[in-house]
């Protein structure tokens, strides 16, 4: 629970690893435990990292919003693809996600389109 909170609200860099660990929580294996320890060590090693909000100091009122998305390979058991994305405002991350797509897609192109639609919601 605490790791999901950290991944969702403060550390988007562990979002994918956390979602994989959450799936394995019901039947935890030795490998899952090793992955959990690895994530904890990564968090301790990078605890001084932080998000930096870029404030425009020039006298322009231009606001830049951009979004990026991607899709990974399908899961072997469910055939659902892992998707992720990030939305930035003036180069500062304001929203991010990493999760399995809700349905099975037939091609990489279709998976990319679903990922793009998910991040622009």
Foldseek 3Di string as FASTA:
>chain_A
DVVCVCCFPFNVVCQQLVQVLVVCVVPPDPVSVVSVVVVVVVCVVCVVDGWDDDDDPPPDPDKDKDKDKAWDAADPPQQWIWIKMFIDIPNTTDGIHIDTDPDHDDDRVVVRVSNVVVGVD
